[in-house]
């Protein structure tokens, strides 16, 4: 309690000092001078000596010091790696980190200019070594008295229980049983696979996620790890004692990310614990994030195109071309009325509306005629059809259609949707050059692309197919020569119908 209270007091003091320093007008104004440290260093040192702090370091937004107790460190980067919350988010906080003077408790405060912009940071700290010394001084007297009493009262019980506690690491039988149950529950609850071996390569622990990931059945306890798991990483950690973190490893048909950590017993390596996870899940998450980013780009394109039209309209009005301005407004109004009538009155699901509005803006920016079929109709989609999956499916198919017609003289893409019957149907058709018979079977394979360039491609259609299959649906492609391509997606309204496909 004494230790915690002293550390909290020191941290609070450091934070309050750093806040006070960050609001000093002289320091804020000195950031605008050609040599801020000439003003800041003497003032910071005076504050440090008056408050008893170990250091008062002031730096700019890049972390370059303008003050330091050791003048040789002025102009160099601040250490500790704990400036991000202050410099980027404008937060006031207490942290622990190791700097040039050693481990310390620091109070961090951003420095704002008159415009409210972050221009620097104040770091005030007290060395943990000094704090610990203060703690020791406070509790030494109590420890001496307590130690004397404890030694007398426990001497007999120590002699009696020495041999038993040596084997049980000081635990009572019920504590050992409870820890064993807790360990098993934790091992099987975590999503990552966990494998532990002793110094001879005998498996001591393996949880269910590990068995599932490595396709292992039955009990493996007291078996050699040879043949069940690649040995290079495990035995290298046993030999060197150096942990290996986030190493990629190919195992059967999977790419696994493995981290191996040695287990020590009285300064000797007694085993290795390996944790691993399937990289496929991480890739799927990154793909979803990428699709959401693409969706936000579509909305940006819509805003950009609308802004361009406003500038054209403004130019026509300034030139006095009122008739052309009226014609432009009437044309835009007619187009928007038709599009909005279909989007908002016939396609009643807000997720579909949001995606189509973004794609309409992108099509306008790319000069592609994007038509939403007038006979399209949708009620709100079932809950099991998530926005993230719709972005992956419709986003990739519509974007691919835009790219397929981009170089044509009259590029056109048509979208149709209906929920008549037991399926929800989306259809995206383009008037591009089509897909050859040789390319059709490869269309949904990861990495396959017909486009040139160094940019990584060939994942959009594969991700779309995976999202469709995840919801129990199917996707069809129709293409003949140069007459264009039609993608049709079928998603069951009932989430339990996945096996039907």
Protein backbone atom coordinates (compact mmCIF):
# COMPACT_ATOMS: atom_id res chain seq x y z
CA UNK A 1 0.00 0.00 0.00
CA UNK A 2 2.85 2.35 0.82
CA UNK A 3 4.59 1.56 -2.47
CA UNK A 4 1.44 2.12 -4.52
CA UNK A 5 0.64 5.39 -2.74
CA UNK A 6 4.14 6.81 -3.20
CA UNK A 7 4.22 5.91 -6.88
CA UNK A 8 0.79 7.43 -7.45
CA UNK A 9 1.80 10.63 -5.65
CA UNK A 10 5.00 10.94 -7.67
CA UNK A 11 3.12 10.29 -10.91
CA UNK A 12 0.46 12.85 -10.01
CA UNK A 13 3.15 15.39 -9.07
CA UNK A 14 5.01 14.81 -12.33
CA UNK A 15 1.79 15.28 -14.31
CA UNK A 16 0.82 18.48 -12.50
CA UNK A 17 4.29 19.96 -13.03
CA UNK A 18 4.24 19.05 -16.73
CA UNK A 19 0.77 20.61 -17.12
CA UNK A 20 1.92 23.81 -15.45
CA UNK A 21 5.04 24.03 -17.61
CA UNK A 22 3.02 23.39 -20.80
CA UNK A 23 0.92 26.53 -20.15
CA UNK A 24 3.85 28.92 -19.47
CA UNK A 25 3.60 31.68 -22.16
CA UNK A 26 7.37 32.14 -22.36
CA UNK A 27 7.86 28.50 -23.33
CA UNK A 28 5.03 28.58 -25.88
CA UNK A 29 6.37 31.77 -27.47
CA UNK A 30 9.94 30.43 -27.61
CA UNK A 31 8.83 27.71 -30.05
CA UNK A 32 8.49 30.45 -32.65
CA UNK A 33 12.13 31.57 -32.23
CA UNK A 34 15.09 30.29 -34.22
CA UNK A 35 16.73 28.77 -31.12
CA UNK A 36 14.06 27.72 -28.61
CA UNK A 37 16.50 25.89 -26.33
CA UNK A 38 18.27 29.15 -25.33
CA UNK A 39 15.08 30.27 -23.58
CA UNK A 40 13.64 26.91 -22.59
CA UNK A 41 16.74 25.20 -21.09
CA UNK A 42 17.44 27.69 -18.26
CA UNK A 43 13.75 27.92 -17.36
CA UNK A 44 13.30 24.12 -17.38
CA UNK A 45 16.38 23.60 -15.19
CA UNK A 46 15.15 26.19 -12.69
CA UNK A 47 11.78 24.43 -12.46
CA UNK A 48 13.51 21.05 -12.08
CA UNK A 49 15.66 22.21 -9.19
CA UNK A 50 12.78 23.97 -7.43
CA UNK A 51 10.39 21.01 -7.70
CA UNK A 52 12.93 18.25 -7.03
CA UNK A 53 12.14 16.44 -10.27
CA UNK A 54 14.84 14.30 -11.84
CA UNK A 55 14.25 15.89 -15.25
CA UNK A 56 12.08 18.45 -17.01
CA UNK A 57 12.40 17.74 -20.71
CA UNK A 58 10.65 19.88 -23.32
CA UNK A 59 10.58 18.81 -26.94
CA UNK A 60 8.98 19.76 -30.22
CA UNK A 61 6.32 17.81 -32.13
CA UNK A 62 9.01 15.53 -33.61
CA UNK A 63 10.30 14.61 -30.14
CA UNK A 64 13.52 16.64 -30.45
CA UNK A 65 14.66 17.95 -27.04
CA UNK A 66 14.90 21.65 -26.27
CA UNK A 67 15.88 21.02 -22.64
CA UNK A 68 17.54 18.26 -20.61
CA UNK A 69 19.49 18.02 -17.30
CA UNK A 70 22.48 16.91 -19.40
CA UNK A 71 23.11 19.56 -22.05
CA UNK A 72 24.71 17.06 -24.41
CA UNK A 73 21.29 15.48 -24.99
CA UNK A 74 19.67 18.72 -26.17
CA UNK A 75 18.79 18.48 -29.86
CA UNK A 76 18.47 14.70 -29.76
CA UNK A 77 15.31 12.58 -29.87
CA UNK A 78 13.43 11.85 -26.65
CA UNK A 79 13.62 8.25 -25.41
CA UNK A 80 11.00 5.94 -23.94
CA UNK A 81 8.51 5.65 -26.82
CA UNK A 82 5.63 6.98 -24.71
CA UNK A 83 4.98 10.37 -26.39
CA UNK A 84 2.36 9.28 -28.92
CA UNK A 85 -0.80 9.96 -26.88
CA UNK A 86 0.35 13.51 -26.08
CA UNK A 87 1.70 14.48 -29.51
CA UNK A 88 -1.03 12.86 -31.62
CA UNK A 89 -4.12 12.88 -29.38
CA UNK A 90 -3.39 15.81 -27.04
CA UNK A 91 -3.73 13.64 -23.91
CA UNK A 92 -2.37 14.33 -20.40
CA UNK A 93 -1.18 11.13 -18.71
CA UNK A 94 1.33 9.34 -16.48
CA UNK A 95 3.58 6.62 -17.88
CA UNK A 96 6.55 4.44 -16.96
CA UNK A 97 9.45 4.14 -19.38
CA UNK A 98 13.22 3.92 -19.58
CA UNK A 99 14.96 7.09 -20.74
CA UNK A 100 18.50 8.39 -20.90
CA UNK A 101 18.66 8.70 -17.09
CA UNK A 102 17.10 5.31 -16.41
CA UNK A 103 13.61 3.92 -15.66
CA UNK A 104 11.26 6.63 -14.42
CA UNK A 105 7.68 7.69 -13.78
CA UNK A 106 6.80 10.51 -16.15
CA UNK A 107 4.06 13.07 -16.47
CA UNK A 108 3.33 13.87 -20.13
CA UNK A 109 1.55 17.04 -21.31
CA UNK A 110 1.13 18.42 -24.84
CA UNK A 111 1.99 22.06 -25.60
CA UNK A 112 -0.64 23.95 -27.60
CA UNK A 113 -0.16 27.21 -29.49
CA UNK A 114 -2.73 30.01 -29.63
CA UNK A 115 -4.54 28.22 -32.47
CA UNK A 116 -5.01 25.08 -30.40
CA UNK A 117 -2.41 23.12 -32.40
CA UNK A 118 0.00 20.72 -30.73
CA UNK A 119 3.52 22.12 -31.11
CA UNK A 120 5.46 20.19 -28.49
CA UNK A 121 5.52 18.10 -25.33
CA UNK A 122 6.60 18.43 -21.70
CA UNK A 123 7.97 15.37 -19.91
CA UNK A 124 8.58 15.59 -16.15
CA UNK A 125 9.92 12.53 -14.37
CA UNK A 126 11.16 10.98 -11.16
CA UNK A 127 13.56 8.03 -11.30
CA UNK A 128 12.10 4.73 -10.14
CA UNK A 129 15.35 4.09 -8.32
CA UNK A 130 14.78 7.16 -6.10
CA UNK A 131 11.13 6.23 -5.59
CA UNK A 132 12.06 2.72 -4.57
CA UNK A 133 14.64 4.10 -2.16
CA UNK A 134 12.01 6.28 -0.56
CA UNK A 135 9.68 3.30 -0.27
CA UNK A 136 12.41 1.23 1.36
CA UNK A 137 13.17 3.97 3.86
CA UNK A 138 9.50 4.21 4.83
CA UNK A 139 8.97 0.52 5.39
CA UNK A 140 12.38 -0.50 6.78
CA UNK A 141 11.43 0.13 10.37
CA UNK A 142 8.25 -1.90 10.06
CA UNK A 143 10.11 -4.68 8.27
CA UNK A 144 12.69 -5.08 11.03
CA UNK A 145 10.07 -5.54 13.72
CA UNK A 146 7.88 -7.75 11.53
CA UNK A 147 10.79 -9.89 10.39
CA UNK A 148 11.84 -10.67 13.95
CA UNK A 149 8.33 -11.75 14.90
CA UNK A 150 7.84 -13.77 11.71
CA UNK A 151 11.16 -15.63 12.08
CA UNK A 152 10.28 -16.84 15.58
CA UNK A 153 6.68 -17.78 14.77
CA UNK A 154 7.50 -19.60 11.52
CA UNK A 155 10.75 -21.34 12.41
CA UNK A 156 9.10 -24.50 13.60
CA UNK A 157 6.61 -24.75 10.73
CA UNK A 158 9.36 -24.16 8.17
CA UNK A 159 11.32 -27.12 9.47
CA UNK A 160 8.21 -29.30 9.46
CA UNK A 161 7.02 -28.46 5.96
CA UNK A 162 10.34 -28.02 4.14
CA UNK A 163 10.42 -31.31 2.28
CA UNK A 164 6.75 -31.25 1.28
CA UNK A 165 6.81 -27.66 0.08
CA UNK A 166 9.94 -28.27 -1.95
CA UNK A 167 7.99 -30.60 -4.24
CA UNK A 168 4.75 -28.64 -4.29
CA UNK A 169 6.37 -25.19 -4.70
CA UNK A 170 4.73 -24.04 -1.48
CA UNK A 171 1.20 -24.87 -2.55
CA UNK A 172 -1.40 -26.82 -0.61
CA UNK A 173 -3.02 -29.85 -2.30
CA UNK A 174 -6.33 -28.06 -2.93
CA UNK A 175 -4.43 -25.11 -4.45
CA UNK A 176 -2.57 -27.44 -6.81
CA UNK A 177 -5.85 -29.04 -7.91
CA UNK A 178 -7.47 -25.64 -8.46
CA UNK A 179 -4.52 -24.33 -10.48
CA UNK A 180 -4.56 -27.46 -12.62
CA UNK A 181 -8.26 -26.97 -13.42
CA UNK A 182 -7.77 -23.28 -14.11
CA UNK A 183 -4.84 -23.99 -16.41
CA UNK A 184 -6.87 -26.47 -18.45
CA UNK A 185 -9.82 -24.07 -18.68
CA UNK A 186 -7.57 -21.23 -19.84
CA UNK A 187 -5.72 -23.38 -22.37
CA UNK A 188 -8.91 -24.55 -24.05
CA UNK A 189 -10.62 -21.15 -23.86
CA UNK A 190 -7.98 -19.20 -25.80
CA UNK A 191 -8.35 -19.09 -29.56
CA UNK A 192 -4.65 -19.52 -30.30
CA UNK A 193 -3.10 -22.97 -30.40
CA UNK A 194 -0.71 -23.70 -27.50
CA UNK A 195 1.87 -26.48 -27.35
CA UNK A 196 4.40 -27.13 -24.58
CA UNK A 197 7.31 -29.60 -24.58
CA UNK A 198 10.03 -30.48 -22.07
CA UNK A 199 13.77 -30.47 -22.72
CA UNK A 200 13.60 -33.91 -24.37
CA UNK A 201 10.84 -32.97 -26.85
CA UNK A 202 8.03 -34.77 -24.96
CA UNK A 203 4.66 -32.99 -25.23
CA UNK A 204 3.40 -31.84 -21.84
CA UNK A 205 0.48 -29.66 -22.93
CA UNK A 206 -1.58 -29.14 -26.08
CA UNK A 207 -4.97 -27.42 -26.20
CA UNK A 208 -7.91 -28.13 -28.50
CA UNK A 209 -7.32 -25.17 -30.89
CA UNK A 210 -3.79 -26.51 -31.45
CA UNK A 211 -5.09 -30.00 -32.23
CA UNK A 212 -7.69 -28.59 -34.60
CA UNK A 213 -5.21 -26.33 -36.39
CA UNK A 214 -2.63 -29.12 -36.76
CA UNK A 215 -5.29 -31.74 -37.59
CA UNK A 216 -4.30 -33.96 -34.63
CA UNK A 217 -6.77 -36.35 -33.00
CA UNK A 218 -6.65 -38.13 -29.66
CA UNK A 219 -4.31 -37.66 -26.71
CA UNK A 220 -0.72 -36.59 -27.35
CA UNK A 221 0.43 -36.30 -23.75
CA UNK A 222 3.84 -37.88 -23.10
CA UNK A 223 4.41 -38.33 -26.86
CA UNK A 224 7.41 -36.99 -28.77
CA UNK A 225 6.67 -33.88 -30.79
CA UNK A 226 8.59 -35.36 -33.75
CA UNK A 227 6.24 -35.88 -36.68
CA UNK A 228 3.37 -33.97 -35.10
CA UNK A 229 4.82 -30.50 -35.47
CA UNK A 230 7.80 -28.94 -37.35
CA UNK A 231 10.79 -29.14 -35.04
CA UNK A 232 13.17 -26.44 -36.25
CA UNK A 233 11.80 -23.56 -34.18
CA UNK A 234 11.18 -25.61 -31.03
CA UNK A 235 14.60 -27.25 -30.85
CA UNK A 236 16.40 -24.04 -31.77
CA UNK A 237 14.75 -22.28 -28.81
CA UNK A 238 15.67 -25.25 -26.59
CA UNK A 239 19.27 -25.00 -27.74
CA UNK A 240 19.77 -21.23 -27.67
CA UNK A 241 17.23 -20.04 -25.09
CA UNK A 242 16.29 -17.16 -27.39
CA UNK A 243 12.55 -16.71 -28.02
CA UNK A 244 11.25 -16.57 -31.58
CA UNK A 245 8.26 -14.31 -32.14
CA UNK A 246 5.76 -14.30 -35.04
CA UNK A 247 7.62 -16.66 -37.37
CA UNK A 248 5.72 -17.85 -40.46
CA UNK A 249 5.68 -21.59 -41.04
CA UNK A 250 4.04 -23.70 -43.73
CA UNK A 251 2.31 -26.75 -42.26
CA UNK A 252 0.40 -29.00 -44.65
CA UNK A 253 -2.08 -26.69 -46.46
CA UNK A 254 -1.88 -23.82 -43.97
CA UNK A 255 0.38 -20.88 -43.22
CA UNK A 256 0.84 -20.68 -39.46
CA UNK A 257 2.35 -17.83 -37.40
CA UNK A 258 4.37 -19.32 -34.53
CA UNK A 259 5.87 -17.78 -31.38
CA UNK A 260 8.19 -19.92 -29.22
CA UNK A 261 9.29 -19.00 -25.68
CA UNK A 262 11.72 -20.95 -23.47
CA UNK A 263 10.72 -22.17 -19.99
CA UNK A 264 13.39 -21.84 -17.30
CA UNK A 265 13.82 -23.89 -14.13
CA UNK A 266 16.55 -22.55 -11.85
CA UNK A 267 18.38 -20.82 -14.72
CA UNK A 268 18.20 -23.92 -16.92
CA UNK A 269 15.92 -24.37 -19.93
CA UNK A 270 13.36 -26.99 -19.00
CA UNK A 271 11.10 -26.71 -22.03
CA UNK A 272 9.47 -24.57 -24.68
CA UNK A 273 5.97 -23.14 -25.04
CA UNK A 274 4.78 -22.48 -28.60
CA UNK A 275 1.69 -20.50 -29.53
CA UNK A 276 0.43 -20.35 -33.11
CA UNK A 277 -2.48 -19.10 -35.14
CA UNK A 278 -3.73 -19.54 -38.70
CA UNK A 279 -2.63 -16.68 -40.94
CA UNK A 280 -5.74 -17.17 -43.10
CA UNK A 281 -7.96 -15.54 -40.47
CA UNK A 282 -5.67 -12.52 -40.31
CA UNK A 283 -5.70 -12.22 -44.11
CA UNK A 284 -9.50 -12.35 -44.16
CA UNK A 285 -9.67 -9.56 -41.60
CA UNK A 286 -7.24 -7.44 -43.64
CA UNK A 287 -9.27 -8.08 -46.79
CA UNK A 288 -12.43 -6.90 -45.06
CA UNK A 289 -10.68 -3.75 -43.86
CA UNK A 290 -9.47 -3.17 -47.43
CA UNK A 291 -13.00 -3.46 -48.78
CA UNK A 292 -14.34 -1.01 -46.19
CA UNK A 293 -11.59 1.40 -47.22
CA UNK A 294 -12.65 0.98 -50.86
CA UNK A 295 -16.23 1.76 -49.83
CA UNK A 296 -15.10 4.99 -48.16
CA UNK A 297 -13.21 5.89 -51.35
CA UNK A 298 -16.44 5.48 -53.31
CA UNK A 299 -18.15 7.96 -51.01
CA UNK A 300 -15.21 10.33 -51.47
CA UNK A 301 -15.59 10.03 -55.25
CA UNK A 302 -19.29 10.93 -54.96
CA UNK A 303 -18.44 14.04 -52.94
CA UNK A 304 -15.67 15.00 -55.37
CA UNK A 305 -17.94 14.67 -58.43
CA UNK A 306 -20.72 16.67 -56.80
CA UNK A 307 -18.22 19.43 -55.92
CA UNK A 308 -17.00 19.57 -59.53
CA UNK A 309 -20.56 20.01 -60.78
CA UNK A 310 -21.14 22.82 -58.32
CA UNK A 311 -18.03 24.61 -59.62
CA UNK A 312 -19.26 24.24 -63.23
CA UNK A 313 -22.66 25.61 -62.22
CA UNK A 314 -20.98 28.52 -60.42
CA UNK A 315 -18.92 29.28 -63.52
CA UNK A 316 -21.96 29.31 -65.78
CA UNK A 317 -23.76 31.70 -63.41
CA UNK A 318 -20.75 34.03 -63.23
CA UNK A 319 -20.52 34.08 -67.05
CA UNK A 320 -24.21 34.87 -67.35
CA UNK A 321 -25.01 31.58 -69.11
CA UNK A 322 -28.26 31.21 -67.23
CA UNK A 323 -29.97 29.02 -69.81
CA UNK A 324 -27.11 26.51 -69.77
CA UNK A 325 -27.13 26.57 -65.98
CA UNK A 326 -30.88 25.87 -65.95
CA UNK A 327 -30.46 23.03 -68.47
CA UNK A 328 -27.67 21.54 -66.37
CA UNK A 329 -29.80 21.73 -63.21
CA UNK A 330 -32.79 20.19 -64.97
CA UNK A 331 -30.66 17.34 -66.36
CA UNK A 332 -29.07 16.65 -62.97
CA UNK A 333 -32.45 16.89 -61.24
CA UNK A 334 -34.05 14.43 -63.67
CA UNK A 335 -31.16 12.00 -63.29
CA UNK A 336 -31.13 12.26 -59.49
CA UNK A 337 -34.90 11.96 -59.28
CA UNK A 338 -34.85 8.75 -61.30
CA UNK A 339 -31.90 7.29 -59.41
CA UNK A 340 -33.24 8.32 -56.01
CA UNK A 341 -36.68 7.00 -56.86
CA UNK A 342 -35.27 3.55 -57.51
CA UNK A 343 -32.69 3.61 -54.70
CA UNK A 344 -34.90 4.99 -51.94
CA UNK A 345 -38.38 3.86 -52.95
CA UNK A 346 -37.71 0.41 -54.39
CA UNK A 347 -34.49 -0.70 -52.67
CA UNK A 348 -35.57 -0.33 -49.06
CA UNK A 349 -32.46 -1.71 -47.36
CA UNK A 350 -30.20 1.07 -46.04
CA UNK A 351 -27.03 -1.00 -46.53
CA UNK A 352 -27.75 -1.43 -50.26
CA UNK A 353 -28.70 2.25 -50.55
CA UNK A 354 -25.41 3.35 -49.01
CA UNK A 355 -23.33 1.10 -51.28
CA UNK A 356 -25.14 2.17 -54.46
CA UNK A 357 -24.91 5.88 -53.64
CA UNK A 358 -21.15 5.51 -53.25
CA UNK A 359 -20.86 3.60 -56.54
CA UNK A 360 -23.01 6.19 -58.38
CA UNK A 361 -20.53 8.85 -57.36
CA UNK A 362 -17.57 6.70 -58.40
CA UNK A 363 -19.21 5.91 -61.76
CA UNK A 364 -19.82 9.60 -62.39
CA UNK A 365 -16.17 10.36 -61.61
CA UNK A 366 -14.96 7.60 -63.95
CA UNK A 367 -17.43 8.67 -66.68
CA UNK A 368 -19.15 5.30 -66.64
CA UNK A 369 -22.91 5.05 -67.21
CA UNK A 370 -24.09 3.19 -64.13
CA UNK A 371 -27.76 2.23 -64.45
CA UNK A 372 -29.90 0.84 -61.65
CA UNK A 373 -32.64 -1.22 -63.27
CA UNK A 374 -36.04 0.38 -62.85
CA UNK A 375 -37.66 -2.98 -62.04
CA UNK A 376 -35.33 -3.60 -59.08
CA UNK A 377 -37.05 -4.13 -55.74
CA UNK A 378 -35.82 -5.11 -52.28
CA UNK A 379 -37.32 -5.22 -48.83
CA UNK A 380 -34.92 -4.75 -45.83
CA UNK A 381 -32.42 -7.63 -45.87
CA UNK A 382 -32.38 -10.37 -43.21
CA UNK A 383 -30.07 -9.77 -40.20
CA UNK A 384 -27.64 -12.54 -41.19
CA UNK A 385 -26.61 -10.58 -44.32
CA UNK A 386 -23.99 -8.24 -42.86
CA UNK A 387 -22.80 -4.92 -44.27
CA UNK A 388 -19.17 -6.09 -44.36
CA UNK A 389 -20.11 -9.04 -46.60
CA UNK A 390 -22.22 -6.84 -48.88
CA UNK A 391 -19.32 -4.41 -49.28
CA UNK A 392 -17.01 -7.28 -50.24
CA UNK A 393 -19.49 -8.83 -52.71
CA UNK A 394 -21.12 -5.83 -54.41
CA UNK A 395 -18.07 -3.60 -54.05
CA UNK A 396 -15.77 -6.02 -55.88
CA UNK A 397 -18.27 -6.99 -58.58
CA UNK A 398 -19.28 -3.39 -59.40
CA UNK A 399 -15.66 -2.15 -59.31
CA UNK A 400 -14.60 -4.99 -61.62
CA UNK A 401 -17.42 -4.03 -63.98
CA UNK A 402 -16.25 -0.40 -63.97
CA UNK A 403 -12.70 -1.48 -64.82
CA UNK A 404 -13.93 -3.81 -67.57
CA UNK A 405 -15.65 -0.95 -69.46
CA UNK A 406 -13.34 1.92 -68.55
CA UNK A 407 -11.55 2.05 -71.94
CA UNK A 408 -14.72 1.72 -74.04
CA UNK A 409 -16.25 4.58 -76.01
CA UNK A 410 -19.64 4.09 -74.35
CA UNK A 411 -18.96 2.36 -71.02
CA UNK A 412 -22.08 1.00 -69.35
CA UNK A 413 -22.77 -1.05 -66.20
CA UNK A 414 -26.24 -2.16 -65.06
CA UNK A 415 -27.31 -3.24 -61.57
CA UNK A 416 -30.43 -5.26 -60.79
CA UNK A 417 -31.74 -6.58 -57.47
CA UNK A 418 -34.82 -8.50 -56.41
CA UNK A 419 -36.03 -10.55 -53.46
CA UNK A 420 -38.92 -12.31 -55.21
CA UNK A 421 -38.93 -15.95 -54.15
CA UNK A 422 -36.76 -17.59 -51.52
CA UNK A 423 -33.49 -15.94 -52.62
CA UNK A 424 -32.14 -12.42 -52.77
CA UNK A 425 -30.66 -11.89 -56.23
CA UNK A 426 -28.10 -9.29 -57.32
CA UNK A 427 -27.07 -8.97 -60.97
CA UNK A 428 -24.22 -6.80 -62.31
CA UNK A 429 -23.87 -6.62 -66.10
CA UNK A 430 -21.31 -4.72 -68.19
CA UNK A 431 -20.76 -4.18 -71.91
CA UNK A 432 -17.04 -4.92 -71.75
CA UNK A 433 -14.96 -7.34 -73.80
CA UNK A 434 -16.08 -10.37 -71.79
CA UNK A 435 -14.09 -13.25 -70.33
CA UNK A 436 -12.54 -16.04 -72.41
CA UNK A 437 -13.52 -19.68 -71.88
CA UNK A 438 -9.99 -20.47 -70.67
CA UNK A 439 -10.16 -17.78 -67.95
CA UNK A 440 -13.65 -18.61 -66.61
CA UNK A 441 -12.57 -21.66 -64.51
CA UNK A 442 -9.76 -19.60 -62.92
CA UNK A 443 -11.84 -16.50 -62.21
CA UNK A 444 -12.34 -17.08 -58.46
CA UNK A 445 -8.86 -18.41 -57.65
CA UNK A 446 -6.73 -16.30 -55.28
CA UNK A 447 -4.10 -14.32 -57.14
CA UNK A 448 -5.57 -14.84 -60.62
CA UNK A 449 -5.92 -11.63 -62.63
CA UNK A 450 -6.11 -10.56 -66.25
CA UNK A 451 -4.82 -7.07 -65.49
CA UNK A 452 -1.28 -5.85 -66.06
CA UNK A 453 0.91 -3.90 -63.65
CA UNK A 454 2.95 -4.41 -60.51
CA UNK A 455 0.08 -3.80 -58.09
CA UNK A 456 -1.04 -6.87 -56.12
CA UNK A 457 -4.31 -8.10 -57.62
CA UNK A 458 -6.43 -11.20 -58.01
CA UNK A 459 -8.14 -11.25 -54.60
CA UNK A 460 -11.36 -9.28 -55.15
CA UNK A 461 -13.45 -11.99 -56.83
CA UNK A 462 -12.02 -14.66 -54.54
CA UNK A 463 -13.03 -12.63 -51.49
CA UNK A 464 -16.48 -12.03 -52.99
CA UNK A 465 -17.02 -15.75 -53.54
CA UNK A 466 -15.90 -16.54 -49.98
CA UNK A 467 -18.37 -13.98 -48.59
CA UNK A 468 -21.19 -15.45 -50.71
CA UNK A 469 -20.41 -19.01 -49.60
CA UNK A 470 -20.19 -17.86 -45.97
CA UNK A 471 -23.85 -16.77 -46.20
CA UNK A 472 -24.88 -20.03 -47.88
CA UNK A 473 -25.26 -18.53 -51.36
CA UNK A 474 -23.78 -18.98 -54.80
CA UNK A 475 -22.40 -16.81 -57.60
CA UNK A 476 -22.71 -17.35 -61.36
CA UNK A 477 -20.86 -15.83 -64.32
CA UNK A 478 -22.09 -15.52 -67.89
CA UNK A 479 -19.81 -14.18 -70.60
CA UNK A 480 -19.63 -14.75 -74.34
CA UNK A 481 -16.86 -13.25 -76.35
CA UNK A 482 -17.09 -9.46 -76.58
CA UNK A 483 -20.74 -9.13 -75.58
CA UNK A 484 -19.99 -8.30 -71.96
CA UNK A 485 -20.18 -10.16 -68.65
CA UNK A 486 -23.00 -10.80 -66.18
CA UNK A 487 -22.37 -11.75 -62.53
CA UNK A 488 -25.39 -13.09 -60.63
CA UNK A 489 -25.36 -13.57 -56.85
CA UNK A 490 -27.96 -15.69 -55.02
CA UNK A 491 -28.25 -15.27 -51.24
CA UNK A 492 -30.82 -17.33 -49.32
CA UNK A 493 -33.24 -15.37 -47.16
CA UNK A 494 -33.18 -18.20 -44.63
CA UNK A 495 -29.80 -18.53 -42.94
CA UNK A 496 -30.34 -22.28 -42.41
CA UNK A 497 -30.44 -23.03 -46.13
CA UNK A 498 -26.68 -22.90 -46.70
CA UNK A 499 -26.41 -26.67 -47.15
CA UNK A 500 -28.83 -26.47 -50.07
CA UNK A 501 -26.16 -25.00 -52.29
